[in-house]
PDB file of N, CA and C in Angstrom:
ATOM      1  N   MET A   1       6.899  -9.735   2.303  1.00  0.00           N
ATOM      2  CA  MET A   1       5.455  -9.838   2.300  1.00  0.00           C
ATOM      3  C   MET A   1       5.022 -10.431   3.634  1.00  0.00           C
ATOM      4  N   ARG A   2       4.013  -9.845   4.207  1.00  0.00           N
ATOM      5  CA  ARG A   2       3.486 -10.316   5.484  1.00  0.00           C
ATOM      6  C   ARG A   2       1.989 -10.515   5.358  1.00  0.00           C
ATOM      7  N   ASN A   3       1.484 -11.535   6.019  1.00  0.00           N
ATOM      8  CA  ASN A   3       0.049 -11.780   6.064  1.00  0.00           C
ATOM      9  C   ASN A   3      -0.470 -11.334   7.417  1.00  0.00           C
ATOM     10  N   GLY A   4      -1.515 -10.530   7.411  1.00  0.00           N
ATOM     11  CA  GLY A   4      -2.105 -10.046   8.647  1.00  0.00           C
ATOM     12  C   GLY A   4      -1.578  -8.684   9.011  1.00  0.00           C
ATOM     13  N   SER A   5      -2.472  -7.826   9.452  1.00  0.00           N
ATOM     14  CA  SER A   5      -2.092  -6.454   9.726  1.00  0.00           C
ATOM     15  C   SER A   5      -1.093  -6.292  10.863  1.00  0.00           C
ATOM     16  N   PRO A   6      -1.173  -7.034  11.987  1.00  0.00           N
ATOM     17  CA  PRO A   6      -0.145  -6.852  13.024  1.00  0.00           C
ATOM     18  C   PRO A   6       1.255  -7.189  12.519  1.00  0.00           C
ATOM     19  N   ALA A   7       1.371  -8.256  11.746  1.00  0.00           N
ATOM     20  CA  ALA A   7       2.675  -8.629  11.194  1.00  0.00           C
ATOM     21  C   ALA A   7       3.148  -7.586  10.184  1.00  0.00           C
ATOM     22  N   ALA A   8       2.223  -7.061   9.398  1.00  0.00           N
ATOM     23  CA  ALA A   8       2.583  -6.042   8.408  1.00  0.00           C
ATOM     24  C   ALA A   8       3.093  -4.784   9.098  1.00  0.00           C
ATOM     25  N   LEU A   9       2.419  -4.338  10.146  1.00  0.00           N
ATOM     26  CA  LEU A   9       2.851  -3.136  10.864  1.00  0.00           C
ATOM     27  C   LEU A   9       4.212  -3.341  11.531  1.00  0.00           C
ATOM     28  N   ALA A  10       4.443  -4.511  12.074  1.00  0.00           N
ATOM     29  CA  ALA A  10       5.738  -4.804  12.679  1.00  0.00           C
ATOM     30  C   ALA A  10       6.840  -4.757  11.619  1.00  0.00           C
ATOM     31  N   ALA A  11       6.573  -5.299  10.449  1.00  0.00           N
ATOM     32  CA  ALA A  11       7.557  -5.293   9.370  1.00  0.00           C
ATOM     33  C   ALA A  11       7.825  -3.868   8.881  1.00  0.00           C
ATOM     34  N   VAL A  12       6.769  -3.068   8.762  1.00  0.00           N
ATOM     35  CA  VAL A  12       6.912  -1.673   8.329  1.00  0.00           C
ATOM     36  C   VAL A  12       7.733  -0.884   9.341  1.00  0.00           C
ATOM     37  N   ALA A  13       7.473  -1.098  10.611  1.00  0.00           N
ATOM     38  CA  ALA A  13       8.218  -0.393  11.656  1.00  0.00           C
ATOM     39  C   ALA A  13       9.696  -0.785  11.642  1.00  0.00           C
ATOM     40  N   ALA A  14       9.963  -2.056  11.380  1.00  0.00           N
ATOM     41  CA  ALA A  14      11.341  -2.554  11.387  1.00  0.00           C
ATOM     42  C   ALA A  14      12.120  -2.101  10.157  1.00  0.00           C
ATOM     43  N   GLU A  15      11.461  -2.101   9.012  1.00  0.00           N
ATOM     44  CA  GLU A  15      12.119  -1.730   7.757  1.00  0.00           C
ATOM     45  C   GLU A  15      11.090  -1.107   6.821  1.00  0.00           C
ATOM     46  N   PRO A  16      10.989   0.212   6.795  1.00  0.00           N
ATOM     47  CA  PRO A  16       9.981   0.871   5.956  1.00  0.00           C
ATOM     48  C   PRO A  16      10.107   0.440   4.489  1.00  0.00           C
ATOM     49  N   PRO A  17       8.979   0.091   3.878  1.00  0.00           N
ATOM     50  CA  PRO A  17       9.003  -0.391   2.499  1.00  0.00           C
ATOM     51  C   PRO A  17       9.028   0.748   1.485  1.00  0.00           C
ATOM     52  N   ASP A  18       9.398   0.424   0.252  1.00  0.00           N
ATOM     53  CA  ASP A  18       9.288   1.372  -0.860  1.00  0.00           C
ATOM     54  C   ASP A  18       7.857   1.394  -1.379  1.00  0.00           C
ATOM     55  N   VAL A  19       7.181   0.244  -1.272  1.00  0.00           N
ATOM     56  CA  VAL A  19       5.809   0.088  -1.768  1.00  0.00           C
ATOM     57  C   VAL A  19       5.016  -0.689  -0.726  1.00  0.00           C
ATOM     58  N   PHE A  20       3.764  -0.287  -0.539  1.00  0.00           N
ATOM     59  CA  PHE A  20       2.874  -0.980   0.388  1.00  0.00           C
ATOM     60  C   PHE A  20       1.557  -1.219  -0.334  1.00  0.00           C
ATOM     61  N   ILE A  21       1.193  -2.492  -0.514  1.00  0.00           N
ATOM     62  CA  ILE A  21      -0.052  -2.871  -1.199  1.00  0.00           C
ATOM     63  C   ILE A  21      -0.926  -3.612  -0.201  1.00  0.00           C
ATOM     64  N   THR A  22      -2.196  -3.202  -0.096  1.00  0.00           N
ATOM     65  CA  THR A  22      -3.094  -3.860   0.844  1.00  0.00           C
ATOM     66  C   THR A  22      -4.519  -3.899   0.316  1.00  0.00           C
ATOM     67  N   ASP A  23      -5.252  -4.843   0.839  1.00  0.00           N
ATOM     68  CA  ASP A  23      -6.694  -4.919   0.614  1.00  0.00           C
ATOM     69  C   ASP A  23      -7.336  -3.917   1.568  1.00  0.00           C
ATOM     70  N   ILE A  24      -8.573  -3.559   1.327  1.00  0.00           N
ATOM     71  CA  ILE A  24      -9.297  -2.665   2.227  1.00  0.00           C
ATOM     72  C   ILE A  24     -10.136  -3.468   3.215  1.00  0.00           C
ATOM     73  N   GLY A  25     -10.874  -4.449   2.733  1.00  0.00           N
ATOM     74  CA  GLY A  25     -11.753  -5.231   3.591  1.00  0.00           C
ATOM     75  C   GLY A  25     -11.025  -6.402   4.206  1.00  0.00           C
ATOM     76  N   MET A  26     -10.502  -6.193   5.413  1.00  0.00           N
ATOM     77  CA  MET A  26      -9.777  -7.250   6.120  1.00  0.00           C
ATOM     78  C   MET A  26     -10.314  -7.352   7.543  1.00  0.00           C
ATOM     79  N   PRO A  27     -10.168  -8.517   8.150  1.00  0.00           N
ATOM     80  CA  PRO A  27     -10.578  -8.651   9.557  1.00  0.00           C
ATOM     81  C   PRO A  27      -9.590  -7.940  10.479  1.00  0.00           C
ATOM     82  N   HIS A  28     -10.015  -7.653  11.658  1.00  0.00           N
ATOM     83  CA  HIS A  28      -9.200  -7.053  12.713  1.00  0.00           C
ATOM     84  C   HIS A  28      -8.901  -5.583  12.447  1.00  0.00           C
ATOM     85  N   LEU A  29      -8.098  -5.285  11.465  1.00  0.00           N
ATOM     86  CA  LEU A  29      -7.698  -3.919  11.156  1.00  0.00           C
ATOM     87  C   LEU A  29      -7.926  -3.719   9.664  1.00  0.00           C
ATOM     88  N   ASN A  30      -8.900  -2.867   9.305  1.00  0.00           N
ATOM     89  CA  ASN A  30      -9.186  -2.714   7.873  1.00  0.00           C
ATOM     90  C   ASN A  30      -8.067  -1.945   7.171  1.00  0.00           C
ATOM     91  N   GLY A  31      -8.111  -1.948   5.864  1.00  0.00           N
ATOM     92  CA  GLY A  31      -7.065  -1.320   5.068  1.00  0.00           C
ATOM     93  C   GLY A  31      -6.944   0.173   5.271  1.00  0.00           C
ATOM     94  N   PHE A  32      -8.063   0.842   5.598  1.00  0.00           N
ATOM     95  CA  PHE A  32      -7.995   2.285   5.861  1.00  0.00           C
ATOM     96  C   PHE A  32      -7.134   2.558   7.095  1.00  0.00           C
ATOM     97  N   GLU A  33      -7.420   1.835   8.175  1.00  0.00           N
ATOM     98  CA  GLU A  33      -6.665   2.044   9.407  1.00  0.00           C
ATOM     99  C   GLU A  33      -5.216   1.594   9.237  1.00  0.00           C
ATOM    100  N   LEU A  34      -5.022   0.494   8.530  1.00  0.00           N
ATOM    101  CA  LEU A  34      -3.664   0.028   8.262  1.00  0.00           C
ATOM    102  C   LEU A  34      -2.899   1.091   7.475  1.00  0.00           C
ATOM    103  N   GLY A  35      -3.538   1.663   6.457  1.00  0.00           N
ATOM    104  CA  GLY A  35      -2.911   2.727   5.666  1.00  0.00           C
ATOM    105  C   GLY A  35      -2.551   3.938   6.511  1.00  0.00           C
ATOM    106  N   ARG A  36      -3.470   4.342   7.400  1.00  0.00           N
ATOM    107  CA  ARG A  36      -3.194   5.473   8.293  1.00  0.00           C
ATOM    108  C   ARG A  36      -1.957   5.191   9.159  1.00  0.00           C
ATOM    109  N   GLN A  37      -1.887   3.984   9.667  1.00  0.00           N
ATOM    110  CA  GLN A  37      -0.764   3.636  10.537  1.00  0.00           C
ATOM    111  C   GLN A  37       0.547   3.564   9.764  1.00  0.00           C
ATOM    112  N   VAL A  38       0.496   3.062   8.535  1.00  0.00           N
ATOM    113  CA  VAL A  38       1.707   3.021   7.706  1.00  0.00           C
ATOM    114  C   VAL A  38       2.181   4.444   7.428  1.00  0.00           C
ATOM    115  N   ARG A  39       1.254   5.341   7.080  1.00  0.00           N
ATOM    116  CA  ARG A  39       1.621   6.736   6.838  1.00  0.00           C
ATOM    117  C   ARG A  39       2.197   7.368   8.104  1.00  0.00           C
ATOM    118  N   SER A  40       1.629   7.030   9.235  1.00  0.00           N
ATOM    119  CA  SER A  40       2.113   7.567  10.507  1.00  0.00           C
ATOM    120  C   SER A  40       3.540   7.095  10.792  1.00  0.00           C
ATOM    121  N   LEU A  41       3.819   5.841  10.494  1.00  0.00           N
ATOM    122  CA  LEU A  41       5.148   5.278  10.737  1.00  0.00           C
ATOM    123  C   LEU A  41       6.185   5.748   9.724  1.00  0.00           C
ATOM    124  N   CYS A  42       5.756   5.926   8.466  1.00  0.00           N
ATOM    125  CA  CYS A  42       6.712   6.135   7.374  1.00  0.00           C
ATOM    126  C   CYS A  42       6.608   7.477   6.673  1.00  0.00           C
ATOM    127  N   GLY A  43       5.604   8.256   6.965  1.00  0.00           N
ATOM    128  CA  GLY A  43       5.419   9.498   6.231  1.00  0.00           C
ATOM    129  C   GLY A  43       5.025   9.204   4.789  1.00  0.00           C
ATOM    130  N   GLN A  44       5.522   9.997   3.890  1.00  0.00           N
ATOM    131  CA  GLN A  44       5.156   9.852   2.476  1.00  0.00           C
ATOM    132  C   GLN A  44       6.060   8.885   1.716  1.00  0.00           C
ATOM    133  N   THR A  45       6.965   8.224   2.422  1.00  0.00           N
ATOM    134  CA  THR A  45       7.955   7.379   1.751  1.00  0.00           C
ATOM    135  C   THR A  45       7.367   6.249   0.925  1.00  0.00           C
ATOM    136  N   PRO A  46       6.559   5.344   1.476  1.00  0.00           N
ATOM    137  CA  PRO A  46       6.134   4.243   0.606  1.00  0.00           C
ATOM    138  C   PRO A  46       5.031   4.658  -0.355  1.00  0.00           C
ATOM    139  N   LEU A  47       5.098   4.106  -1.546  1.00  0.00           N
ATOM    140  CA  LEU A  47       3.981   4.193  -2.479  1.00  0.00           C
ATOM    141  C   LEU A  47       2.911   3.276  -1.907  1.00  0.00           C
ATOM    142  N   MET A  48       1.711   3.794  -1.664  1.00  0.00           N
ATOM    143  CA  MET A  48       0.646   2.976  -1.078  1.00  0.00           C
ATOM    144  C   MET A  48      -0.431   2.706  -2.116  1.00  0.00           C
ATOM    145  N   ILE A  49      -0.748   1.419  -2.276  1.00  0.00           N
ATOM    146  CA  ILE A  49      -1.728   0.964  -3.263  1.00  0.00           C
ATOM    147  C   ILE A  49      -2.811   0.172  -2.556  1.00  0.00           C
ATOM    148  N   ALA A  50      -4.063   0.556  -2.793  1.00  0.00           N
ATOM    149  CA  ALA A  50      -5.218  -0.179  -2.273  1.00  0.00           C
ATOM    150  C   ALA A  50      -5.778  -1.049  -3.391  1.00  0.00           C
ATOM    151  N   VAL A  51      -6.042  -2.306  -3.072  1.00  0.00           N
ATOM    152  CA  VAL A  51      -6.693  -3.224  -3.999  1.00  0.00           C
ATOM    153  C   VAL A  51      -7.924  -3.746  -3.275  1.00  0.00           C
ATOM    154  N   THR A  52      -9.096  -3.489  -3.828  1.00  0.00           N
ATOM    155  CA  THR A  52     -10.320  -3.790  -3.097  1.00  0.00           C
ATOM    156  C   THR A  52     -11.460  -4.219  -4.002  1.00  0.00           C
ATOM    157  N   GLY A  53     -12.405  -4.894  -3.410  1.00  0.00           N
ATOM    158  CA  GLY A  53     -13.620  -5.279  -4.124  1.00  0.00           C
ATOM    159  C   GLY A  53     -14.676  -4.191  -4.070  1.00  0.00           C
ATOM    160  N   TYR A  54     -14.425  -3.147  -3.269  1.00  0.00           N
ATOM    161  CA  TYR A  54     -15.374  -2.044  -3.143  1.00  0.00           C
ATOM    162  C   TYR A  54     -15.090  -1.007  -4.224  1.00  0.00           C
ATOM    163  N   ALA A  55     -16.008  -0.883  -5.178  1.00  0.00           N
ATOM    164  CA  ALA A  55     -15.779  -0.012  -6.327  1.00  0.00           C
ATOM    165  C   ALA A  55     -16.493   1.334  -6.224  1.00  0.00           C
ATOM    166  N   ASP A  56     -17.144   1.596  -5.094  1.00  0.00           N
ATOM    167  CA  ASP A  56     -17.948   2.814  -4.983  1.00  0.00           C
ATOM    168  C   ASP A  56     -17.077   4.060  -4.784  1.00  0.00           C
ATOM    169  N   ALA A  57     -17.660   5.208  -5.083  1.00  0.00           N
ATOM    170  CA  ALA A  57     -16.953   6.484  -4.981  1.00  0.00           C
ATOM    171  C   ALA A  57     -16.538   6.789  -3.545  1.00  0.00           C
ATOM    172  N   GLN A  58     -17.340   6.394  -2.576  1.00  0.00           N
ATOM    173  CA  GLN A  58     -17.029   6.654  -1.170  1.00  0.00           C
ATOM    174  C   GLN A  58     -15.742   5.935  -0.759  1.00  0.00           C
ATOM    175  N   THR A  59     -15.578   4.684  -1.187  1.00  0.00           N
ATOM    176  CA  THR A  59     -14.358   3.937  -0.862  1.00  0.00           C
ATOM    177  C   THR A  59     -13.155   4.566  -1.537  1.00  0.00           C
ATOM    178  N   ARG A  60     -13.311   4.952  -2.787  1.00  0.00           N
ATOM    179  CA  ARG A  60     -12.219   5.610  -3.528  1.00  0.00           C
ATOM    180  C   ARG A  60     -11.800   6.903  -2.814  1.00  0.00           C
ATOM    181  N   GLU A  61     -12.788   7.689  -2.392  1.00  0.00           N
ATOM    182  CA  GLU A  61     -12.499   8.939  -1.692  1.00  0.00           C
ATOM    183  C   GLU A  61     -11.821   8.676  -0.350  1.00  0.00           C
ATOM    184  N   GLN A  62     -12.301   7.671   0.376  1.00  0.00           N
ATOM    185  CA  GLN A  62     -11.701   7.321   1.664  1.00  0.00           C
ATOM    186  C   GLN A  62     -10.256   6.874   1.488  1.00  0.00           C
ATOM    187  N   CYS A  63      -9.978   6.129   0.417  1.00  0.00           N
ATOM    188  CA  CYS A  63      -8.599   5.710   0.137  1.00  0.00           C
ATOM    189  C   CYS A  63      -7.707   6.930  -0.085  1.00  0.00           C
ATOM    190  N   SER A  64      -8.203   7.869  -0.845  1.00  0.00           N
ATOM    191  CA  SER A  64      -7.443   9.086  -1.113  1.00  0.00           C
ATOM    192  C   SER A  64      -7.187   9.864   0.177  1.00  0.00           C
ATOM    193  N   LYS A  65      -8.202  10.022   0.998  1.00  0.00           N
ATOM    194  CA  LYS A  65      -8.063  10.748   2.263  1.00  0.00           C
ATOM    195  C   LYS A  65      -7.113  10.033   3.224  1.00  0.00           C
ATOM    196  N   THR A  66      -7.081   8.715   3.149  1.00  0.00           N
ATOM    197  CA  THR A  66      -6.214   7.929   4.023  1.00  0.00           C
ATOM    198  C   THR A  66      -4.751   8.053   3.611  1.00  0.00           C
ATOM    199  N   GLY A  67      -4.502   8.377   2.343  1.00  0.00           N
ATOM    200  CA  GLY A  67      -3.127   8.542   1.885  1.00  0.00           C
ATOM    201  C   GLY A  67      -2.678   7.545   0.841  1.00  0.00           C
ATOM    202  N   PHE A  68      -3.620   6.743   0.337  1.00  0.00           N
ATOM    203  CA  PHE A  68      -3.248   5.810  -0.728  1.00  0.00           C
ATOM    204  C   PHE A  68      -2.969   6.589  -2.006  1.00  0.00           C
ATOM    205  N   ASP A  69      -1.933   6.179  -2.712  1.00  0.00           N
ATOM    206  CA  ASP A  69      -1.545   6.838  -3.950  1.00  0.00           C
ATOM    207  C   ASP A  69      -2.301   6.305  -5.160  1.00  0.00           C
ATOM    208  N   HIS A  70      -2.703   5.034  -5.086  1.00  0.00           N
ATOM    209  CA  HIS A  70      -3.418   4.393  -6.197  1.00  0.00           C
ATOM    210  C   HIS A  70      -4.502   3.490  -5.634  1.00  0.00           C
ATOM    211  N   PHE A  71      -5.528   3.277  -6.438  1.00  0.00           N
ATOM    212  CA  PHE A  71      -6.712   2.522  -6.054  1.00  0.00           C
ATOM    213  C   PHE A  71      -7.054   1.583  -7.199  1.00  0.00           C
ATOM    214  N   PHE A  72      -7.119   0.291  -6.929  1.00  0.00           N
ATOM    215  CA  PHE A  72      -7.493  -0.703  -7.934  1.00  0.00           C
ATOM    216  C   PHE A  72      -8.666  -1.514  -7.422  1.00  0.00           C
ATOM    217  N   VAL A  73      -9.620  -1.771  -8.315  1.00  0.00           N
ATOM    218  CA  VAL A  73     -10.781  -2.590  -7.977  1.00  0.00           C
ATOM    219  C   VAL A  73     -10.502  -4.016  -8.435  1.00  0.00           C
ATOM    220  N   LYS A  74     -10.818  -4.969  -7.551  1.00  0.00           N
ATOM    221  CA  LYS A  74     -10.667  -6.389  -7.885  1.00  0.00           C
ATOM    222  C   LYS A  74     -11.709  -6.788  -8.912  1.00  0.00           C
ATOM    223  N   PRO A  75     -11.383  -7.653  -9.814  1.00  0.00           N
ATOM    224  CA  PRO A  75     -10.045  -8.214 -10.008  1.00  0.00           C
ATOM    225  C   PRO A  75      -9.158  -7.198 -10.729  1.00  0.00           C
ATOM    226  N   ALA A  76      -8.122  -6.760 -10.071  1.00  0.00           N
ATOM    227  CA  ALA A  76      -7.202  -5.787 -10.647  1.00  0.00           C
ATOM    228  C   ALA A  76      -6.364  -6.454 -11.734  1.00  0.00           C
ATOM    229  N   ASP A  77      -6.113  -5.702 -12.781  1.00  0.00           N
ATOM    230  CA  ASP A  77      -5.274  -6.196 -13.867  1.00  0.00           C
ATOM    231  C   ASP A  77      -3.812  -6.096 -13.424  1.00  0.00           C
ATOM    232  N   PRO A  78      -3.115  -7.222 -13.319  1.00  0.00           N
ATOM    233  CA  PRO A  78      -1.708  -7.187 -12.883  1.00  0.00           C
ATOM    234  C   PRO A  78      -0.847  -6.256 -13.734  1.00  0.00           C
ATOM    235  N   ALA A  79      -1.150  -6.136 -15.013  1.00  0.00           N
ATOM    236  CA  ALA A  79      -0.370  -5.253 -15.887  1.00  0.00           C
ATOM    237  C   ALA A  79      -0.510  -3.797 -15.448  1.00  0.00           C
ATOM    238  N   ASP A  80      -1.699  -3.415 -14.995  1.00  0.00           N
ATOM    239  CA  ASP A  80      -1.905  -2.040 -14.518  1.00  0.00           C
ATOM    240  C   ASP A  80      -1.105  -1.774 -13.249  1.00  0.00           C
ATOM    241  N   ILE A  81      -1.093  -2.741 -12.355  1.00  0.00           N
ATOM    242  CA  ILE A  81      -0.320  -2.587 -11.116  1.00  0.00           C
ATOM    243  C   ILE A  81       1.173  -2.540 -11.437  1.00  0.00           C
ATOM    244  N   LEU A  82       1.621  -3.395 -12.345  1.00  0.00           N
ATOM    245  CA  LEU A  82       3.033  -3.380 -12.742  1.00  0.00           C
ATOM    246  C   LEU A  82       3.434  -2.054 -13.374  1.00  0.00           C
ATOM    247  N   THR A  83       2.549  -1.455 -14.143  1.00  0.00           N
ATOM    248  CA  THR A  83       2.826  -0.153 -14.740  1.00  0.00           C
ATOM    249  C   THR A  83       3.074   0.891 -13.653  1.00  0.00           C
ATOM    250  N   VAL A  84       2.216   0.910 -12.632  1.00  0.00           N
ATOM    251  CA  VAL A  84       2.389   1.845 -11.521  1.00  0.00           C
ATOM    252  C   VAL A  84       3.705   1.574 -10.794  1.00  0.00           C
ATOM    253  N   LEU A  85       4.016   0.308 -10.556  1.00  0.00           N
ATOM    254  CA  LEU A  85       5.256  -0.042  -9.866  1.00  0.00           C
ATOM    255  C   LEU A  85       6.487   0.369 -10.679  1.00  0.00           C
ATOM    256  N   ARG A  86       6.436   0.164 -11.977  1.00  0.00           N
ATOM    257  CA  ARG A  86       7.568   0.550 -12.832  1.00  0.00           C
ATOM    258  C   ARG A  86       7.751   2.062 -12.852  1.00  0.00           C
ATOM    259  N   GLU A  87       6.651   2.790 -12.922  1.00  0.00           N
ATOM    260  CA  GLU A  87       6.741   4.254 -12.905  1.00  0.00           C
ATOM    261  C   GLU A  87       7.332   4.725 -11.579  1.00  0.00           C
ATOM    262  N   HIS A  88       6.911   4.123 -10.493  1.00  0.00           N
ATOM    263  CA  HIS A  88       7.425   4.491  -9.178  1.00  0.00           C
ATOM    264  C   HIS A  88       8.907   4.139  -9.058  1.00  0.00           C
ATOM    265  N   ALA A  89       9.308   3.017  -9.607  1.00  0.00           N
ATOM    266  CA  ALA A  89      10.697   2.571  -9.517  1.00  0.00           C
ATOM    267  C   ALA A  89      11.648   3.568 -10.172  1.00  0.00           C
ATOM    268  N   ASP A  90      11.176   4.282 -11.173  1.00  0.00           N
ATOM    269  CA  ASP A  90      12.012   5.284 -11.847  1.00  0.00           C
ATOM    270  C   ASP A  90      12.433   6.408 -10.904  1.00  0.00           C
ATOM    271  N   PHE A  91      11.685   6.606  -9.821  1.00  0.00           N
ATOM    272  CA  PHE A  91      11.969   7.696  -8.896  1.00  0.00           C
ATOM    273  C   PHE A  91      12.680   7.244  -7.628  1.00  0.00           C
ATOM    274  N   LEU A  92      12.934   5.950  -7.504  1.00  0.00           N
ATOM    275  CA  LEU A  92      13.595   5.435  -6.304  1.00  0.00           C
ATOM    276  C   LEU A  92      15.105   5.610  -6.412  1.00  0.00           C
ATOM    277  N   PRO A  93      15.777   5.843  -5.283  1.00  0.00           N
ATOM    278  CA  PRO A  93      17.237   5.901  -5.302  1.00  0.00           C
ATOM    279  C   PRO A  93      17.816   4.552  -5.716  1.00  0.00           C
ATOM    280  N   GLU A  94      19.029   4.571  -6.201  1.00  0.00           N
ATOM    281  CA  GLU A  94      19.690   3.357  -6.685  1.00  0.00           C
ATOM    282  C   GLU A  94      19.692   2.227  -5.636  1.00  0.00           C
ATOM    283  N   ASP A  95      19.882   2.579  -4.364  1.00  0.00           N
ATOM    284  CA  ASP A  95      20.008   1.574  -3.317  1.00  0.00           C
ATOM    285  C   ASP A  95      18.661   1.195  -2.684  1.00  0.00           C
ATOM    286  N   ALA A  96      17.557   1.682  -3.206  1.00  0.00           N
ATOM    287  CA  ALA A  96      16.243   1.359  -2.634  1.00  0.00           C
ATOM    288  C   ALA A  96      16.003  -0.144  -2.722  1.00  0.00           C
ATOM    289  N   GLY A  97      15.503  -0.683  -1.660  1.00  0.00           N
ATOM    290  CA  GLY A  97      15.193  -2.114  -1.645  1.00  0.00           C
ATOM    291  C   GLY A  97      16.376  -2.984  -1.282  1.00  0.00           C
ATOM    292  N   ALA A  98      17.535  -2.407  -1.111  1.00  0.00           N
ATOM    293  CA  ALA A  98      18.706  -3.209  -0.734  1.00  0.00           C
ATOM    294  C   ALA A  98      18.445  -3.852   0.618  1.00  0.00           C
ATOM    295  N   GLY A  99      18.656  -5.133   0.686  1.00  0.00           N
ATOM    296  CA  GLY A  99      18.458  -5.856   1.927  1.00  0.00           C
ATOM    297  C   GLY A  99      17.041  -6.301   2.144  1.00  0.00           C
ATOM    298  N   SER A 100      16.154  -6.093   1.191  1.00  0.00           N
ATOM    299  CA  SER A 100      14.764  -6.506   1.339  1.00  0.00           C
ATOM    300  C   SER A 100      14.619  -7.983   1.065  1.00  0.00           C
ATOM    301  N   GLU A 101      13.450  -8.493   1.493  1.00  0.00           N
ATOM    302  CA  GLU A 101      13.162  -9.923   1.267  1.00  0.00           C
ATOM    303  C   GLU A 101      13.000 -10.208  -0.194  1.00  0.00           C
TER     304      GLU A 101
END
């Protein structure tokens, strides 16, 4: 886990994640641009999840266009996020996440 978009991008470049969860409204580099850069670095590999306080249709559509696989509005129910993570884990190779923090 990294705080701040520059640190997150450096971590993604060094070791592509299986899952990438981010807020949309952040200083410096918003979640849309961060998502675009993660997709550029990793392709379709990580499951990308947006968690945001913006509940409007335009934000949801922008998340989809950016490449996010799932969209949750704050306060997101942790059980819903865990369900998505568990479903995704069923499709990961046995060695996925080996050596991760």
